[in-house]
Amino acid sequence: MNAHEALSLALADLAETRHRPPCTAEPDAWTSDQRADLERTAPLCAGCPLLDPCRDAGELEDHGVWGGVIRDRRYRPAERTA
Protein backbone atom coordinates (compact mmCIF):
# COMPACT_ATOMS: atom_id res chain seq x y z
CA MET A 1 0.00 0.00 0.00
CA ASN A 2 1.42 3.39 -0.95
CA ALA A 3 1.10 6.62 1.03
CA HIS A 4 -1.82 7.94 -1.02
CA GLU A 5 -3.76 4.69 -0.55
CA ALA A 6 -3.06 4.83 3.20
CA LEU A 7 -4.35 8.40 3.30
CA SER A 8 -7.48 7.42 1.39
CA LEU A 9 -8.19 4.63 3.88
CA ALA A 10 -7.60 6.98 6.80
CA LEU A 11 -10.01 9.50 5.25
CA ALA A 12 -12.65 6.79 4.84
CA ASP A 13 -12.20 5.69 8.46
CA LEU A 14 -12.48 9.28 9.65
CA ALA A 15 -15.64 9.81 7.58
CA GLU A 16 -17.29 6.95 9.45
CA THR A 17 -16.88 8.96 12.66
CA ARG A 18 -18.49 11.98 10.96
CA HIS A 19 -15.37 14.06 11.58
CA ARG A 20 -13.92 16.11 8.77
CA PRO A 21 -10.32 17.26 8.41
CA PRO A 22 -9.82 21.03 8.19
CA CYS A 23 -8.86 20.83 4.50
CA THR A 24 -12.40 19.84 3.54
CA ALA A 25 -13.82 23.23 4.54
CA GLU A 26 -11.93 25.11 1.82
CA PRO A 27 -10.12 22.47 -0.27
CA ASP A 28 -8.84 24.79 -3.01
CA ALA A 29 -6.85 26.80 -0.47
CA TRP A 30 -4.65 23.77 0.31
CA THR A 31 -3.58 23.54 -3.34
CA SER A 32 -3.76 27.23 -4.24
CA ASP A 33 -1.25 28.87 -6.53
CA GLN A 34 -1.14 31.75 -4.05
CA ARG A 35 1.66 31.37 -1.51
CA ALA A 36 -0.38 33.34 1.05
CA ASP A 37 -3.14 30.71 0.92
CA LEU A 38 -0.63 27.92 1.56
CA GLU A 39 0.90 29.81 4.48
CA ARG A 40 -2.56 30.49 5.93
CA THR A 41 -3.78 26.90 5.67
CA ALA A 42 -0.69 24.99 6.80
CA PRO A 43 -1.17 25.83 10.51
CA LEU A 44 -4.81 24.72 10.31
CA CYS A 45 -3.56 21.14 9.95
CA ALA A 46 -2.41 21.12 13.58
CA GLY A 47 -4.48 18.67 15.55
CA CYS A 48 -5.86 16.89 12.48
CA PRO A 49 -6.04 13.14 13.10
CA LEU A 50 -4.73 12.56 9.56
CA LEU A 51 -1.60 14.66 10.00
CA ASP A 52 0.90 11.81 9.70
CA PRO A 53 -0.64 9.92 6.76
CA CYS A 54 -1.22 13.21 4.96
CA ARG A 55 2.38 14.29 5.52
CA ASP A 56 3.56 10.92 4.22
CA ALA A 57 1.43 11.29 1.08
CA GLY A 58 2.84 14.78 0.61
CA GLU A 59 6.32 13.34 0.22
CA LEU A 60 5.18 12.33 -3.27
CA GLU A 61 3.82 15.78 -4.15
CA ASP A 62 5.44 18.96 -5.39
CA HIS A 63 2.70 21.45 -4.52
CA GLY A 64 0.14 22.14 -1.83
CA VAL A 65 -0.16 21.74 1.91
CA TRP A 66 0.24 18.15 3.06
CA GLY A 67 0.12 17.35 6.77
CA GLY A 68 0.93 20.92 7.69
CA VAL A 69 3.96 21.04 5.37
CA ILE A 70 4.01 23.40 2.42
CA ARG A 71 5.21 21.66 -0.71
CA ASP A 72 5.92 24.21 -3.41
CA ARG A 73 8.63 23.52 -5.94
CA ARG A 74 8.36 27.12 -7.14
CA TYR A 75 9.27 28.55 -3.76
CA ARG A 76 12.62 28.22 -2.16
CA PRO A 77 13.37 30.00 1.10
CA ALA A 78 16.13 32.57 0.88
CA GLU A 79 19.47 31.05 1.71
CA ARG A 80 20.95 32.20 4.96
CA THR A 81 24.17 34.09 4.87
CA ALA A 82 26.40 34.04 7.89
PDB file of N, CA and C in Angstrom:
ATOM      1  N   MET A   1       0.858  -1.180   0.000  1.00  0.00           N
ATOM      2  CA  MET A   1       0.000   0.000   0.000  1.00  0.00           C
ATOM      3  C   MET A   1       0.903   1.242   0.000  1.00  0.00           C
ATOM      4  N   ASN A   2       0.616   2.171  -0.922  1.00  0.00           N
ATOM      5  CA  ASN A   2       1.424   3.388  -0.946  1.00  0.00           C
ATOM      6  C   ASN A   2       0.817   4.452  -0.030  1.00  0.00           C
ATOM      7  N   ALA A   3       1.509   5.567   0.092  1.00  0.00           N
ATOM      8  CA  ALA A   3       1.096   6.615   1.026  1.00  0.00           C
ATOM      9  C   ALA A   3      -0.256   7.230   0.664  1.00  0.00           C
ATOM     10  N   HIS A   4      -0.530   7.372  -0.621  1.00  0.00           N
ATOM     11  CA  HIS A   4      -1.820   7.937  -1.021  1.00  0.00           C
ATOM     12  C   HIS A   4      -2.964   6.965  -0.715  1.00  0.00           C
ATOM     13  N   GLU A   5      -2.733   5.692  -0.894  1.00  0.00           N
ATOM     14  CA  GLU A   5      -3.757   4.694  -0.545  1.00  0.00           C
ATOM     15  C   GLU A   5      -3.995   4.687   0.959  1.00  0.00           C
ATOM     16  N   ALA A   6      -2.922   4.792   1.736  1.00  0.00           N
ATOM     17  CA  ALA A   6      -3.061   4.830   3.197  1.00  0.00           C
ATOM     18  C   ALA A   6      -3.851   6.061   3.628  1.00  0.00           C
ATOM     19  N   LEU A   7      -3.592   7.190   2.983  1.00  0.00           N
ATOM     20  CA  LEU A   7      -4.346   8.405   3.304  1.00  0.00           C
ATOM     21  C   LEU A   7      -5.814   8.242   2.930  1.00  0.00           C
ATOM     22  N   SER A   8      -6.091   7.648   1.804  1.00  0.00           N
ATOM     23  CA  SER A   8      -7.481   7.423   1.392  1.00  0.00           C
ATOM     24  C   SER A   8      -8.221   6.542   2.391  1.00  0.00           C
ATOM     25  N   LEU A   9      -7.571   5.492   2.867  1.00  0.00           N
ATOM     26  CA  LEU A   9      -8.193   4.628   3.878  1.00  0.00           C
ATOM     27  C   LEU A   9      -8.428   5.380   5.180  1.00  0.00           C
ATOM     28  N   ALA A  10      -7.450   6.199   5.577  1.00  0.00           N
ATOM     29  CA  ALA A  10      -7.602   6.985   6.802  1.00  0.00           C
ATOM     30  C   ALA A  10      -8.752   7.985   6.666  1.00  0.00           C
ATOM     31  N   LEU A  11      -8.891   8.582   5.493  1.00  0.00           N
ATOM     32  CA  LEU A  11     -10.010   9.505   5.250  1.00  0.00           C
ATOM     33  C   LEU A  11     -11.349   8.772   5.349  1.00  0.00           C
ATOM     34  N   ALA A  12     -11.412   7.575   4.788  1.00  0.00           N
ATOM     35  CA  ALA A  12     -12.649   6.785   4.842  1.00  0.00           C
ATOM     36  C   ALA A  12     -12.990   6.417   6.287  1.00  0.00           C
ATOM     37  N   ASP A  13     -11.976   6.028   7.046  1.00  0.00           N
ATOM     38  CA  ASP A  13     -12.195   5.693   8.457  1.00  0.00           C
ATOM     39  C   ASP A  13     -12.691   6.914   9.227  1.00  0.00           C
ATOM     40  N   LEU A  14     -12.083   8.064   8.965  1.00  0.00           N
ATOM     41  CA  LEU A  14     -12.485   9.284   9.652  1.00  0.00           C
ATOM     42  C   LEU A  14     -13.912   9.667   9.276  1.00  0.00           C
ATOM     43  N   ALA A  15     -14.284   9.473   8.030  1.00  0.00           N
ATOM     44  CA  ALA A  15     -15.641   9.808   7.582  1.00  0.00           C
ATOM     45  C   ALA A  15     -16.683   8.997   8.337  1.00  0.00           C
ATOM     46  N   GLU A  16     -16.348   7.781   8.693  1.00  0.00           N
ATOM     47  CA  GLU A  16     -17.290   6.953   9.453  1.00  0.00           C
ATOM     48  C   GLU A  16     -17.582   7.529  10.824  1.00  0.00           C
ATOM     49  N   THR A  17     -16.674   8.332  11.351  1.00  0.00           N
ATOM     50  CA  THR A  17     -16.882   8.961  12.658  1.00  0.00           C
ATOM     51  C   THR A  17     -17.574  10.320  12.528  1.00  0.00           C
ATOM     52  N   ARG A  18     -17.849  10.703  11.279  1.00  0.00           N
ATOM     53  CA  ARG A  18     -18.486  11.979  10.957  1.00  0.00           C
ATOM     54  C   ARG A  18     -17.607  13.182  11.269  1.00  0.00           C
ATOM     55  N   HIS A  19     -16.320  12.965  11.427  1.00  0.00           N
ATOM     56  CA  HIS A  19     -15.370  14.059  11.583  1.00  0.00           C
ATOM     57  C   HIS A  19     -14.811  14.401  10.213  1.00  0.00           C
ATOM     58  N   ARG A  20     -14.478  15.665  10.045  1.00  0.00           N
ATOM     59  CA  ARG A  20     -13.920  16.111   8.772  1.00  0.00           C
ATOM     60  C   ARG A  20     -12.602  16.829   9.034  1.00  0.00           C
ATOM     61  N   PRO A  21     -11.584  16.530   8.249  1.00  0.00           N
ATOM     62  CA  PRO A  21     -10.325  17.256   8.415  1.00  0.00           C
ATOM     63  C   PRO A  21     -10.491  18.713   7.986  1.00  0.00           C
ATOM     64  N   PRO A  22      -9.660  19.604   8.492  1.00  0.00           N
ATOM     65  CA  PRO A  22      -9.821  21.029   8.190  1.00  0.00           C
ATOM     66  C   PRO A  22      -9.730  21.356   6.700  1.00  0.00           C
ATOM     67  N   CYS A  23      -9.031  20.548   5.936  1.00  0.00           N
ATOM     68  CA  CYS A  23      -8.858  20.834   4.504  1.00  0.00           C
ATOM     69  C   CYS A  23     -10.144  20.661   3.708  1.00  0.00           C
ATOM     70  N   THR A  24     -11.146  20.030   4.272  1.00  0.00           N
ATOM     71  CA  THR A  24     -12.395  19.839   3.536  1.00  0.00           C
ATOM     72  C   THR A  24     -13.276  21.085   3.553  1.00  0.00           C
ATOM     73  N   ALA A  25     -13.003  22.019   4.446  1.00  0.00           N
ATOM     74  CA  ALA A  25     -13.819  23.231   4.537  1.00  0.00           C
ATOM     75  C   ALA A  25     -13.549  24.187   3.378  1.00  0.00           C
ATOM     76  N   GLU A  26     -12.325  24.207   2.893  1.00  0.00           N
ATOM     77  CA  GLU A  26     -11.932  25.111   1.816  1.00  0.00           C
ATOM     78  C   GLU A  26     -10.826  24.418   1.011  1.00  0.00           C
ATOM     79  N   PRO A  27     -11.151  23.323   0.334  1.00  0.00           N
ATOM     80  CA  PRO A  27     -10.119  22.469  -0.270  1.00  0.00           C
ATOM     81  C   PRO A  27      -9.203  23.158  -1.267  1.00  0.00           C
ATOM     82  N   ASP A  28      -9.694  24.118  -2.015  1.00  0.00           N
ATOM     83  CA  ASP A  28      -8.845  24.785  -3.005  1.00  0.00           C
ATOM     84  C   ASP A  28      -7.710  25.579  -2.373  1.00  0.00           C
ATOM     85  N   ALA A  29      -7.892  26.019  -1.134  1.00  0.00           N
ATOM     86  CA  ALA A  29      -6.851  26.800  -0.466  1.00  0.00           C
ATOM     87  C   ALA A  29      -5.604  25.958  -0.179  1.00  0.00           C
ATOM     88  N   TRP A  30      -5.787  24.656   0.007  1.00  0.00           N
ATOM     89  CA  TRP A  30      -4.650  23.773   0.314  1.00  0.00           C
ATOM     90  C   TRP A  30      -3.800  23.471  -0.925  1.00  0.00           C
ATOM     91  N   THR A  31      -4.326  23.771  -2.096  1.00  0.00           N
ATOM     92  CA  THR A  31      -3.578  23.545  -3.336  1.00  0.00           C
ATOM     93  C   THR A  31      -3.501  24.823  -4.170  1.00  0.00           C
ATOM     94  N   SER A  32      -3.735  25.943  -3.551  1.00  0.00           N
ATOM     95  CA  SER A  32      -3.762  27.227  -4.239  1.00  0.00           C
ATOM     96  C   SER A  32      -2.409  27.556  -4.878  1.00  0.00           C
ATOM     97  N   ASP A  33      -2.465  28.352  -5.924  1.00  0.00           N
ATOM     98  CA  ASP A  33      -1.245  28.869  -6.532  1.00  0.00           C
ATOM     99  C   ASP A  33      -0.738  30.101  -5.786  1.00  0.00           C
ATOM    100  N   GLN A  34      -1.519  30.573  -4.833  1.00  0.00           N
ATOM    101  CA  GLN A  34      -1.139  31.746  -4.048  1.00  0.00           C
ATOM    102  C   GLN A  34      -0.397  31.315  -2.794  1.00  0.00           C
ATOM    103  N   ARG A  35       0.834  31.740  -2.667  1.00  0.00           N
ATOM    104  CA  ARG A  35       1.659  31.371  -1.512  1.00  0.00           C
ATOM    105  C   ARG A  35       0.963  31.758  -0.196  1.00  0.00           C
ATOM    106  N   ALA A  36       0.296  32.897  -0.175  1.00  0.00           N
ATOM    107  CA  ALA A  36      -0.379  33.344   1.047  1.00  0.00           C
ATOM    108  C   ALA A  36      -1.438  32.339   1.503  1.00  0.00           C
ATOM    109  N   ASP A  37      -2.143  31.727   0.559  1.00  0.00           N
ATOM    110  CA  ASP A  37      -3.140  30.714   0.918  1.00  0.00           C
ATOM    111  C   ASP A  37      -2.468  29.507   1.566  1.00  0.00           C
ATOM    112  N   LEU A  38      -1.345  29.073   0.998  1.00  0.00           N
ATOM    113  CA  LEU A  38      -0.632  27.922   1.563  1.00  0.00           C
ATOM    114  C   LEU A  38      -0.132  28.230   2.972  1.00  0.00           C
ATOM    115  N   GLU A  39       0.396  29.425   3.156  1.00  0.00           N
ATOM    116  CA  GLU A  39       0.904  29.809   4.480  1.00  0.00           C
ATOM    117  C   GLU A  39      -0.225  29.950   5.491  1.00  0.00           C
ATOM    118  N   ARG A  40      -1.402  30.341   5.035  1.00  0.00           N
ATOM    119  CA  ARG A  40      -2.564  30.487   5.931  1.00  0.00           C
ATOM    120  C   ARG A  40      -3.130  29.124   6.328  1.00  0.00           C
ATOM    121  N   THR A  41      -3.136  28.181   5.388  1.00  0.00           N
ATOM    122  CA  THR A  41      -3.780  26.901   5.670  1.00  0.00           C
ATOM    123  C   THR A  41      -2.879  25.911   6.392  1.00  0.00           C
ATOM    124  N   ALA A  42      -1.589  25.971   6.183  1.00  0.00           N
ATOM    125  CA  ALA A  42      -0.687  24.988   6.799  1.00  0.00           C
ATOM    126  C   ALA A  42      -0.882  24.870   8.316  1.00  0.00           C
ATOM    127  N   PRO A  43      -0.970  25.966   9.061  1.00  0.00           N
ATOM    128  CA  PRO A  43      -1.167  25.833  10.508  1.00  0.00           C
ATOM    129  C   PRO A  43      -2.512  25.219  10.896  1.00  0.00           C
ATOM    130  N   LEU A  44      -3.496  25.284   9.997  1.00  0.00           N
ATOM    131  CA  LEU A  44      -4.813  24.725  10.307  1.00  0.00           C
ATOM    132  C   LEU A  44      -4.776  23.200  10.390  1.00  0.00           C
ATOM    133  N   CYS A  45      -3.710  22.600   9.899  1.00  0.00           N
ATOM    134  CA  CYS A  45      -3.564  21.144   9.954  1.00  0.00           C
ATOM    135  C   CYS A  45      -3.265  20.645  11.374  1.00  0.00           C
ATOM    136  N   ALA A  46      -2.764  21.521  12.215  1.00  0.00           N
ATOM    137  CA  ALA A  46      -2.411  21.118  13.581  1.00  0.00           C
ATOM    138  C   ALA A  46      -3.619  20.488  14.257  1.00  0.00           C
ATOM    139  N   GLY A  47      -3.413  19.360  14.854  1.00  0.00           N
ATOM    140  CA  GLY A  47      -4.483  18.668  15.554  1.00  0.00           C
ATOM    141  C   GLY A  47      -5.326  17.759  14.678  1.00  0.00           C
ATOM    142  N   CYS A  48      -5.094  17.769  13.378  1.00  0.00           N
ATOM    143  CA  CYS A  48      -5.857  16.889  12.482  1.00  0.00           C
ATOM    144  C   CYS A  48      -5.430  15.440  12.732  1.00  0.00           C
ATOM    145  N   PRO A  49      -6.392  14.532  12.864  1.00  0.00           N
ATOM    146  CA  PRO A  49      -6.040  13.136  13.104  1.00  0.00           C
ATOM    147  C   PRO A  49      -5.353  12.465  11.906  1.00  0.00           C
ATOM    148  N   LEU A  50      -5.361  13.126  10.759  1.00  0.00           N
ATOM    149  CA  LEU A  50      -4.732  12.562   9.557  1.00  0.00           C
ATOM    150  C   LEU A  50      -3.380  13.198   9.263  1.00  0.00           C
ATOM    151  N   LEU A  51      -2.842  13.922  10.219  1.00  0.00           N
ATOM    152  CA  LEU A  51      -1.605  14.662  10.004  1.00  0.00           C
ATOM    153  C   LEU A  51      -0.479  13.776   9.470  1.00  0.00           C
ATOM    154  N   ASP A  52      -0.216  12.665  10.116  1.00  0.00           N
ATOM    155  CA  ASP A  52       0.899  11.809   9.699  1.00  0.00           C
ATOM    156  C   ASP A  52       0.676  11.151   8.339  1.00  0.00           C
ATOM    157  N   PRO A  53      -0.472  10.509   8.084  1.00  0.00           N
ATOM    158  CA  PRO A  53      -0.637   9.922   6.756  1.00  0.00           C
ATOM    159  C   PRO A  53      -0.680  10.973   5.647  1.00  0.00           C
ATOM    160  N   CYS A  54      -1.188  12.148   5.947  1.00  0.00           N
ATOM    161  CA  CYS A  54      -1.222  13.214   4.961  1.00  0.00           C
ATOM    162  C   CYS A  54       0.197  13.699   4.669  1.00  0.00           C
ATOM    163  N   ARG A  55       0.989  13.874   5.708  1.00  0.00           N
ATOM    164  CA  ARG A  55       2.379  14.295   5.521  1.00  0.00           C
ATOM    165  C   ARG A  55       3.145  13.256   4.710  1.00  0.00           C
ATOM    166  N   ASP A  56       2.899  11.986   4.987  1.00  0.00           N
ATOM    167  CA  ASP A  56       3.555  10.918   4.220  1.00  0.00           C
ATOM    168  C   ASP A  56       3.169  10.977   2.746  1.00  0.00           C
ATOM    169  N   ALA A  57       1.887  11.188   2.473  1.00  0.00           N
ATOM    170  CA  ALA A  57       1.429  11.285   1.084  1.00  0.00           C
ATOM    171  C   ALA A  57       2.041  12.507   0.405  1.00  0.00           C
ATOM    172  N   GLY A  58       2.249  13.557   1.154  1.00  0.00           N
ATOM    173  CA  GLY A  58       2.836  14.776   0.610  1.00  0.00           C
ATOM    174  C   GLY A  58       4.268  14.614   0.154  1.00  0.00           C
ATOM    175  N   GLU A  59       4.939  13.598   0.664  1.00  0.00           N
ATOM    176  CA  GLU A  59       6.315  13.338   0.222  1.00  0.00           C
ATOM    177  C   GLU A  59       6.356  13.077  -1.276  1.00  0.00           C
ATOM    178  N   LEU A  60       5.245  12.641  -1.848  1.00  0.00           N
ATOM    179  CA  LEU A  60       5.177  12.326  -3.271  1.00  0.00           C
ATOM    180  C   LEU A  60       4.704  13.516  -4.111  1.00  0.00           C
ATOM    181  N   GLU A  61       4.404  14.624  -3.469  1.00  0.00           N
ATOM    182  CA  GLU A  61       3.824  15.781  -4.150  1.00  0.00           C
ATOM    183  C   GLU A  61       4.818  16.926  -4.265  1.00  0.00           C
ATOM    184  N   ASP A  62       4.564  17.799  -5.221  1.00  0.00           N
ATOM    185  CA  ASP A  62       5.439  18.957  -5.385  1.00  0.00           C
ATOM    186  C   ASP A  62       4.703  20.284  -5.196  1.00  0.00           C
ATOM    187  N   HIS A  63       3.436  20.220  -4.758  1.00  0.00           N
ATOM    188  CA  HIS A  63       2.697  21.450  -4.521  1.00  0.00           C
ATOM    189  C   HIS A  63       1.549  21.198  -3.551  1.00  0.00           C
ATOM    190  N   GLY A  64       1.268  22.192  -2.749  1.00  0.00           N
ATOM    191  CA  GLY A  64       0.139  22.139  -1.831  1.00  0.00           C
ATOM    192  C   GLY A  64       0.580  21.983  -0.387  1.00  0.00           C
ATOM    193  N   VAL A  65      -0.401  21.964   0.478  1.00  0.00           N
ATOM    194  CA  VAL A  65      -0.160  21.737   1.907  1.00  0.00           C
ATOM    195  C   VAL A  65      -0.526  20.300   2.203  1.00  0.00           C
ATOM    196  N   TRP A  66       0.411  19.568   2.747  1.00  0.00           N
ATOM    197  CA  TRP A  66       0.235  18.146   3.061  1.00  0.00           C
ATOM    198  C   TRP A  66       0.698  17.909   4.495  1.00  0.00           C
ATOM    199  N   GLY A  67      -0.230  17.610   5.375  1.00  0.00           N
ATOM    200  CA  GLY A  67       0.123  17.347   6.771  1.00  0.00           C
ATOM    201  C   GLY A  67       0.805  18.523   7.438  1.00  0.00           C
ATOM    202  N   GLY A  68       0.371  19.719   7.090  1.00  0.00           N
ATOM    203  CA  GLY A  68       0.933  20.919   7.691  1.00  0.00           C
ATOM    204  C   GLY A  68       2.233  21.392   7.057  1.00  0.00           C
ATOM    205  N   VAL A  69       2.712  20.695   6.048  1.00  0.00           N
ATOM    206  CA  VAL A  69       3.960  21.042   5.374  1.00  0.00           C
ATOM    207  C   VAL A  69       3.632  21.629   4.007  1.00  0.00           C
ATOM    208  N   ILE A  70       4.210  22.782   3.729  1.00  0.00           N
ATOM    209  CA  ILE A  70       4.014  23.405   2.419  1.00  0.00           C
ATOM    210  C   ILE A  70       4.980  22.769   1.437  1.00  0.00           C
ATOM    211  N   ARG A  71       4.419  22.221   0.381  1.00  0.00           N
ATOM    212  CA  ARG A  71       5.209  21.655  -0.714  1.00  0.00           C
ATOM    213  C   ARG A  71       5.003  22.577  -1.909  1.00  0.00           C
ATOM    214  N   ASP A  72       6.042  23.280  -2.296  1.00  0.00           N
ATOM    215  CA  ASP A  72       5.922  24.209  -3.412  1.00  0.00           C
ATOM    216  C   ASP A  72       7.261  24.296  -4.126  1.00  0.00           C
ATOM    217  N   ARG A  73       7.372  23.582  -5.207  1.00  0.00           N
ATOM    218  CA  ARG A  73       8.629  23.524  -5.942  1.00  0.00           C
ATOM    219  C   ARG A  73       9.030  24.885  -6.495  1.00  0.00           C
ATOM    220  N   ARG A  74       8.061  25.796  -6.595  1.00  0.00           N
ATOM    221  CA  ARG A  74       8.365  27.125  -7.137  1.00  0.00           C
ATOM    222  C   ARG A  74       8.947  28.055  -6.093  1.00  0.00           C
ATOM    223  N   TYR A  75       8.827  27.684  -4.840  1.00  0.00           N
ATOM    224  CA  TYR A  75       9.268  28.553  -3.761  1.00  0.00           C
ATOM    225  C   TYR A  75      10.453  27.926  -3.055  1.00  0.00           C
ATOM    226  N   ARG A  76      11.481  28.664  -2.939  1.00  0.00           N
ATOM    227  CA  ARG A  76      12.624  28.224  -2.163  1.00  0.00           C
ATOM    228  C   ARG A  76      12.944  29.327  -1.157  1.00  0.00           C
ATOM    229  N   PRO A  77      13.050  28.977   0.104  1.00  0.00           N
ATOM    230  CA  PRO A  77      13.368  30.003   1.098  1.00  0.00           C
ATOM    231  C   PRO A  77      14.718  30.637   0.769  1.00  0.00           C
ATOM    232  N   ALA A  78      14.854  31.902   1.104  1.00  0.00           N
ATOM    233  CA  ALA A  78      16.125  32.572   0.883  1.00  0.00           C
ATOM    234  C   ALA A  78      17.227  31.875   1.659  1.00  0.00           C
ATOM    235  N   GLU A  79      18.367  31.713   1.027  1.00  0.00           N
ATOM    236  CA  GLU A  79      19.474  31.054   1.706  1.00  0.00           C
ATOM    237  C   GLU A  79      20.039  32.003   2.755  1.00  0.00           C
ATOM    238  N   ARG A  80      20.405  31.419   3.862  1.00  0.00           N
ATOM    239  CA  ARG A  80      20.953  32.200   4.961  1.00  0.00           C
ATOM    240  C   ARG A  80      22.413  32.517   4.689  1.00  0.00           C
ATOM    241  N   THR A  81      22.763  33.725   4.969  1.00  0.00           N
ATOM    242  CA  THR A  81      24.171  34.093   4.867  1.00  0.00           C
ATOM    243  C   THR A  81      24.667  34.376   6.258  1.00  0.00           C
ATOM    244  N   ALA A  82      25.839  33.896   6.527  1.00  0.00           N
ATOM    245  CA  ALA A  82      26.399  34.039   7.887  1.00  0.00           C
ATOM    246  C   ALA A  82      26.946  35.403   8.127  1.00  0.00           C
TER     247      ALA A  82
END
